[in-house]
């Protein structure tokens, strides 16, 4: 009996210490993540001009009805979908290829990881500023394309033509984050038992067959994690599009939802509509997170 009480006392003390360590994180998360979402949800039901001293007017779903009838909102949704789809495909595909390449190297593996990861530590503002110089009419981008295409002196209008402008913003994002996702893939590849790959080689499997039949199936949880995180990261993009539009590029082709939120709140001072836009973006991210848990549950992998 005494032993049971002593054990319960130790468990209670451990539980209290556990809450003491977790509580600061919970407070931080609630203050900077939960509260802004709830506040945005509350504001989305009101009509409020930021510079007006008048009290907010409750209009229910009026802001959402306005957005669903607005061509600007649908353009933002389309632009966000194009950017997310294009960037997501390049990020996941390229980071997987790079991870396989780096994992197969016996020399310079650390150097390659560091080289590809280094853009991830650069701020998005600095990354966009660097690439604005590259996409300048006299920049490296035009010179490289003209060299390979044999079109000397041609300006491909990276920062003006709608298609090229969208592609340019994707390139900036891929350059910045491909190293980050490559490191995650390398960690996933290194967790696969080497004996399984060696057994496939002994059985006569080619490199492609080993990858497709052994490595890739065992890498599915990592691929799912990278896919969902990359997609959510793409949906949150803002700095690149903002700096490009401030540099003189047309806003329409790169008017992602986050940029639309900024213009609606800061330029037109309609905080209620901006909050409604934020809630719609949050709902999309929430759906993708739910999808991640659903798919991850059905894609459990065992090495036994």
Protein backbone atom coordinates (compact mmCIF):
# COMPACT_ATOMS: atom_id res chain seq x y z
CA UNK A 1 0.00 0.00 0.00
CA UNK A 2 2.80 2.38 0.97
CA UNK A 3 4.69 1.47 -2.18
CA UNK A 4 1.61 2.24 -4.31
CA UNK A 5 1.15 5.64 -2.63
CA UNK A 6 4.83 6.45 -3.12
CA UNK A 7 4.61 5.53 -6.79
CA UNK A 8 1.48 7.69 -7.22
CA UNK A 9 3.30 10.58 -5.52
CA UNK A 10 6.23 10.29 -7.92
CA UNK A 11 3.83 10.21 -10.91
CA UNK A 12 1.99 13.30 -9.66
CA UNK A 13 5.26 15.19 -9.15
CA UNK A 14 6.40 14.21 -12.66
CA UNK A 15 3.04 15.32 -14.04
CA UNK A 16 3.31 18.73 -12.36
CA UNK A 17 6.85 19.19 -13.70
CA UNK A 18 5.61 18.15 -17.13
CA UNK A 19 2.86 20.79 -17.06
CA UNK A 20 5.39 23.36 -15.84
CA UNK A 21 7.55 22.74 -18.92
CA UNK A 22 4.63 22.58 -21.38
CA UNK A 23 2.69 25.57 -20.02
CA UNK A 24 4.91 28.32 -21.53
CA UNK A 25 4.58 26.72 -24.97
CA UNK A 26 0.79 26.42 -24.56
CA UNK A 27 0.53 30.08 -23.52
CA UNK A 28 2.72 31.16 -26.43
CA UNK A 29 0.73 29.03 -28.89
CA UNK A 30 -2.61 30.29 -27.57
CA UNK A 31 -1.52 33.93 -27.58
CA UNK A 32 0.12 34.05 -31.01
CA UNK A 33 -1.75 31.30 -32.91
CA UNK A 34 -5.21 30.61 -31.46
CA UNK A 35 -6.15 34.16 -30.43
CA UNK A 36 -5.37 35.76 -33.85
CA UNK A 37 -7.52 33.15 -35.60
CA UNK A 38 -10.45 33.66 -33.21
CA UNK A 39 -10.08 37.44 -33.46
CA UNK A 40 -10.02 37.26 -37.29
CA UNK A 41 -13.12 35.03 -37.23
CA UNK A 42 -14.89 37.57 -35.02
CA UNK A 43 -13.88 40.55 -37.18
CA UNK A 44 -14.93 38.77 -40.39
CA UNK A 45 -18.59 39.22 -39.36
CA UNK A 46 -18.26 43.00 -39.07
CA UNK A 47 -17.88 45.92 -41.45
CA UNK A 48 -15.05 48.05 -40.12
CA UNK A 49 -12.92 50.79 -41.72
CA UNK A 50 -9.51 50.96 -40.06
CA UNK A 51 -9.31 54.78 -40.16
CA UNK A 52 -12.90 55.34 -39.04
CA UNK A 53 -13.77 55.96 -35.41
CA UNK A 54 -17.27 54.53 -35.96
CA UNK A 55 -18.12 51.32 -34.15
CA UNK A 56 -17.93 48.09 -36.24
CA UNK A 57 -21.27 47.17 -37.83
CA UNK A 58 -22.37 43.52 -37.62
CA UNK A 59 -23.19 42.23 -41.12
CA UNK A 60 -23.06 38.45 -40.58
CA UNK A 61 -21.73 36.68 -43.66
CA UNK A 62 -21.78 39.92 -45.70
CA UNK A 63 -17.99 39.98 -46.10
CA UNK A 64 -17.95 36.37 -47.34
CA UNK A 65 -20.81 37.10 -49.80
CA UNK A 66 -18.87 40.11 -51.11
CA UNK A 67 -15.72 38.04 -51.59
CA UNK A 68 -17.49 35.22 -53.42
CA UNK A 69 -18.93 37.79 -55.87
CA UNK A 70 -15.60 39.62 -56.30
CA UNK A 71 -13.46 38.87 -59.41
CA UNK A 72 -10.36 39.91 -57.42
CA UNK A 73 -10.99 37.14 -54.88
CA UNK A 74 -11.39 34.48 -57.57
CA UNK A 75 -8.26 35.75 -59.31
CA UNK A 76 -6.37 35.46 -55.99
CA UNK A 77 -7.67 31.94 -55.53
CA UNK A 78 -6.57 31.00 -59.08
CA UNK A 79 -3.15 32.65 -58.71
CA UNK A 80 -2.61 30.94 -55.34
CA UNK A 81 -3.57 27.59 -56.89
CA UNK A 82 -1.18 28.07 -59.83
CA UNK A 83 1.68 29.16 -57.58
CA UNK A 84 1.07 26.39 -55.04
CA UNK A 85 0.68 23.68 -57.68
CA UNK A 86 3.75 24.69 -59.70
CA UNK A 87 6.01 25.35 -56.73
CA UNK A 88 4.82 22.25 -54.88
CA UNK A 89 5.60 19.96 -57.85
CA UNK A 90 9.08 21.44 -58.33
CA UNK A 91 9.86 21.45 -54.60
CA UNK A 92 8.88 17.84 -53.91
CA UNK A 93 10.30 16.39 -57.13
CA UNK A 94 13.58 18.29 -57.05
CA UNK A 95 14.21 17.78 -53.33
CA UNK A 96 13.64 14.01 -53.70
CA UNK A 97 16.06 13.82 -56.64
CA UNK A 98 18.67 15.89 -54.79
CA UNK A 99 18.28 13.77 -51.65
CA UNK A 100 18.81 10.55 -53.62
CA UNK A 101 21.85 12.07 -55.34
CA UNK A 102 23.42 13.36 -52.11
CA UNK A 103 22.68 10.11 -50.21
CA UNK A 104 24.44 8.09 -52.92
CA UNK A 105 27.62 10.21 -52.65
CA UNK A 106 30.45 8.93 -50.46
CA UNK A 107 32.46 12.14 -50.71
CA UNK A 108 31.40 15.78 -50.19
CA UNK A 109 28.05 14.68 -48.73
CA UNK A 110 28.21 17.21 -45.86
CA UNK A 111 29.35 19.97 -48.18
CA UNK A 112 26.47 19.31 -50.61
CA UNK A 113 23.92 19.31 -47.76
CA UNK A 114 25.28 22.62 -46.49
CA UNK A 115 25.40 24.13 -49.99
CA UNK A 116 21.78 23.26 -50.79
CA UNK A 117 20.49 24.17 -47.33
CA UNK A 118 22.19 27.59 -47.13
CA UNK A 119 19.45 29.51 -49.08
CA UNK A 120 16.92 28.39 -46.43
CA UNK A 121 18.61 30.60 -43.82
CA UNK A 122 18.36 33.67 -46.07
CA UNK A 123 15.29 35.79 -45.36
CA UNK A 124 12.60 35.86 -48.05
CA UNK A 125 13.10 39.60 -48.45
CA UNK A 126 16.80 39.19 -49.22
CA UNK A 127 16.06 36.23 -51.53
CA UNK A 128 13.53 38.29 -53.49
CA UNK A 129 15.97 41.23 -53.71
CA UNK A 130 18.71 38.95 -55.09
CA UNK A 131 16.41 37.45 -57.70
CA UNK A 132 15.10 40.86 -58.75
CA UNK A 133 18.67 41.60 -59.90
CA UNK A 134 18.89 38.21 -61.64
CA UNK A 135 15.60 38.81 -63.50
CA UNK A 136 16.57 42.34 -64.52
CA UNK A 137 16.58 42.80 -68.37
CA UNK A 138 20.40 42.96 -68.19
CA UNK A 139 20.61 40.20 -65.54
CA UNK A 140 21.91 36.64 -65.55
CA UNK A 141 18.51 35.04 -66.28
CA UNK A 142 18.21 36.62 -69.72
CA UNK A 143 21.85 35.90 -70.54
CA UNK A 144 21.54 32.20 -69.60
CA UNK A 145 18.31 31.67 -71.55
CA UNK A 146 19.69 33.50 -74.58
CA UNK A 147 22.91 31.44 -74.46
CA UNK A 148 21.07 28.09 -74.43
CA UNK A 149 18.26 29.17 -76.79
CA UNK A 150 20.54 30.99 -79.22
CA UNK A 151 18.54 34.22 -78.99
CA UNK A 152 21.12 36.94 -78.22
CA UNK A 153 19.83 40.26 -76.95
CA UNK A 154 16.22 39.12 -76.31
CA UNK A 155 14.48 40.35 -73.15
CA UNK A 156 12.22 37.57 -71.87
CA UNK A 157 10.36 40.02 -69.58
CA UNK A 158 10.69 37.97 -66.41
CA UNK A 159 9.14 40.72 -64.27
CA UNK A 160 6.43 41.91 -66.67
CA UNK A 161 4.91 39.11 -68.79
CA UNK A 162 2.22 37.29 -66.69
CA UNK A 163 3.47 33.75 -67.35
CA UNK A 164 7.14 34.60 -66.87
CA UNK A 165 6.34 36.59 -63.73
CA UNK A 166 4.50 33.66 -62.16
CA UNK A 167 7.36 31.32 -63.10
CA UNK A 168 9.89 33.79 -61.66
CA UNK A 169 8.18 33.84 -58.24
CA UNK A 170 8.10 30.03 -58.26
CA UNK A 171 11.85 29.90 -58.98
CA UNK A 172 12.60 32.18 -56.03
CA UNK A 173 10.59 29.97 -53.70
CA UNK A 174 12.08 26.72 -55.02
CA UNK A 175 15.63 28.10 -54.70
CA UNK A 176 15.00 29.11 -51.11
CA UNK A 177 13.25 25.99 -49.79
CA UNK A 178 14.48 23.06 -51.87
CA UNK A 179 17.47 22.52 -49.54
CA UNK A 180 15.23 22.43 -46.47
CA UNK A 181 13.05 19.64 -47.90
CA UNK A 182 16.12 17.85 -49.28
CA UNK A 183 17.46 17.53 -45.72
CA UNK A 184 14.13 15.99 -44.59
CA UNK A 185 14.27 13.47 -47.45
CA UNK A 186 17.90 12.61 -46.61
CA UNK A 187 16.85 11.91 -43.01
CA UNK A 188 14.05 9.65 -44.32
CA UNK A 189 16.41 7.77 -46.65
CA UNK A 190 19.00 7.26 -43.91
CA UNK A 191 16.35 5.67 -41.67
CA UNK A 192 15.73 2.87 -44.20
CA UNK A 193 17.69 -0.27 -43.18
CA UNK A 194 20.63 -0.75 -45.51
CA UNK A 195 20.09 -4.53 -45.43
CA UNK A 196 16.83 -4.19 -47.41
CA UNK A 197 18.55 -2.34 -50.27
CA UNK A 198 21.50 -4.75 -50.26
CA UNK A 199 19.09 -7.71 -50.34
CA UNK A 200 17.36 -6.23 -53.40
CA UNK A 201 20.74 -5.76 -55.11
CA UNK A 202 21.73 -9.36 -54.32
CA UNK A 203 18.44 -10.53 -55.89
CA UNK A 204 19.47 -8.77 -59.11
CA UNK A 205 17.31 -5.63 -58.91
CA UNK A 206 18.52 -2.65 -60.94
CA UNK A 207 18.97 0.84 -59.44
CA UNK A 208 15.58 1.96 -60.76
CA UNK A 209 13.84 -1.22 -59.50
CA UNK A 210 15.48 -0.84 -56.08
CA UNK A 211 14.24 2.73 -55.84
CA UNK A 212 10.72 2.05 -57.11
CA UNK A 213 10.10 -1.24 -55.26
CA UNK A 214 12.05 -0.67 -52.01
CA UNK A 215 13.16 2.90 -51.33
CA UNK A 216 10.10 4.82 -52.50
CA UNK A 217 7.46 2.69 -50.69
CA UNK A 218 9.44 2.94 -47.44
CA UNK A 219 9.82 6.69 -48.00
CA UNK A 220 6.07 7.31 -48.26
CA UNK A 221 5.62 8.79 -44.74
CA UNK A 222 8.46 11.25 -45.39
CA UNK A 223 7.05 12.08 -48.83
CA UNK A 224 3.64 12.76 -47.30
CA UNK A 225 5.14 14.96 -44.60
CA UNK A 226 7.17 16.95 -47.14
CA UNK A 227 4.17 17.23 -49.48
CA UNK A 228 1.78 18.68 -46.92
CA UNK A 229 4.34 20.98 -45.28
CA UNK A 230 5.49 22.24 -48.70
CA UNK A 231 1.89 22.87 -49.80
CA UNK A 232 1.05 24.82 -46.64
CA UNK A 233 4.31 26.76 -46.95
CA UNK A 234 3.41 27.68 -50.54
CA UNK A 235 -0.07 28.84 -49.48
CA UNK A 236 1.54 31.22 -46.96
CA UNK A 237 3.81 32.92 -49.50
CA UNK A 238 3.78 36.72 -49.34
CA UNK A 239 7.17 38.46 -49.28
CA UNK A 240 8.26 37.48 -52.79
CA UNK A 241 5.02 38.62 -54.43
CA UNK A 242 4.94 41.80 -52.34
CA UNK A 243 8.51 42.83 -53.23
CA UNK A 244 8.02 42.00 -56.91
CA UNK A 245 4.85 44.14 -57.05
CA UNK A 246 6.65 46.96 -55.21
CA UNK A 247 9.46 46.75 -57.81
CA UNK A 248 6.97 47.57 -60.57
CA UNK A 249 5.66 44.14 -61.64
CA UNK A 250 1.90 43.92 -62.34
CA UNK A 251 0.00 42.72 -59.29
CA UNK A 252 -2.69 40.65 -61.04
CA UNK A 253 -0.59 37.58 -62.05
CA UNK A 254 0.98 37.29 -58.57
CA UNK A 255 -1.92 38.48 -56.41
CA UNK A 256 -1.95 35.49 -54.04
CA UNK A 257 -4.45 35.44 -51.16
CA UNK A 258 -1.94 36.73 -48.59
CA UNK A 259 -1.09 39.70 -50.84
CA UNK A 260 -4.81 40.34 -51.30
CA UNK A 261 -5.24 40.30 -47.51
CA UNK A 262 -2.48 42.91 -47.18
CA UNK A 263 -3.99 45.21 -49.83
CA UNK A 264 -7.53 44.81 -48.45
CA UNK A 265 -6.45 45.58 -44.87
CA UNK A 266 -3.64 48.12 -45.32
CA UNK A 267 -4.45 49.84 -48.61
CA UNK A 268 -8.28 49.89 -48.62
CA UNK A 269 -8.61 49.66 -44.79
CA UNK A 270 -11.39 47.04 -44.96
CA UNK A 271 -10.32 44.94 -41.98
CA UNK A 272 -13.52 42.85 -41.98
CA UNK A 273 -13.03 41.67 -45.57
CA UNK A 274 -9.31 41.04 -44.92
CA UNK A 275 -10.26 38.92 -41.89
CA UNK A 276 -12.74 36.94 -44.00
CA UNK A 277 -9.98 36.31 -46.58
CA UNK A 278 -7.66 35.13 -43.80
CA UNK A 279 -10.30 32.76 -42.47
CA UNK A 280 -10.81 31.25 -45.94
CA UNK A 281 -7.04 30.71 -46.25
CA UNK A 282 -6.97 29.20 -42.76
CA UNK A 283 -9.81 26.82 -43.71
CA UNK A 284 -7.82 25.63 -46.75
CA UNK A 285 -4.75 25.01 -44.57
CA UNK A 286 -6.86 23.25 -41.95
CA UNK A 287 -8.29 20.95 -44.60
CA UNK A 288 -4.79 20.06 -45.81
CA UNK A 289 -3.66 19.36 -42.26
CA UNK A 290 -6.66 17.10 -41.72
CA UNK A 291 -5.79 15.38 -44.99
CA UNK A 292 -2.25 14.85 -43.74
CA UNK A 293 -3.44 13.02 -40.62
CA UNK A 294 -5.93 10.94 -42.60
CA UNK A 295 -3.42 9.86 -45.23
CA UNK A 296 -0.57 9.37 -42.74
CA UNK A 297 -2.78 7.00 -40.73
CA UNK A 298 -3.33 4.79 -43.77
CA UNK A 299 0.31 4.97 -44.94
CA UNK A 300 2.11 3.52 -41.92
CA UNK A 301 5.27 1.72 -42.96
CA UNK A 302 6.99 -1.11 -41.15
CA UNK A 303 10.54 -2.30 -41.82
CA UNK A 304 9.79 -5.77 -40.43
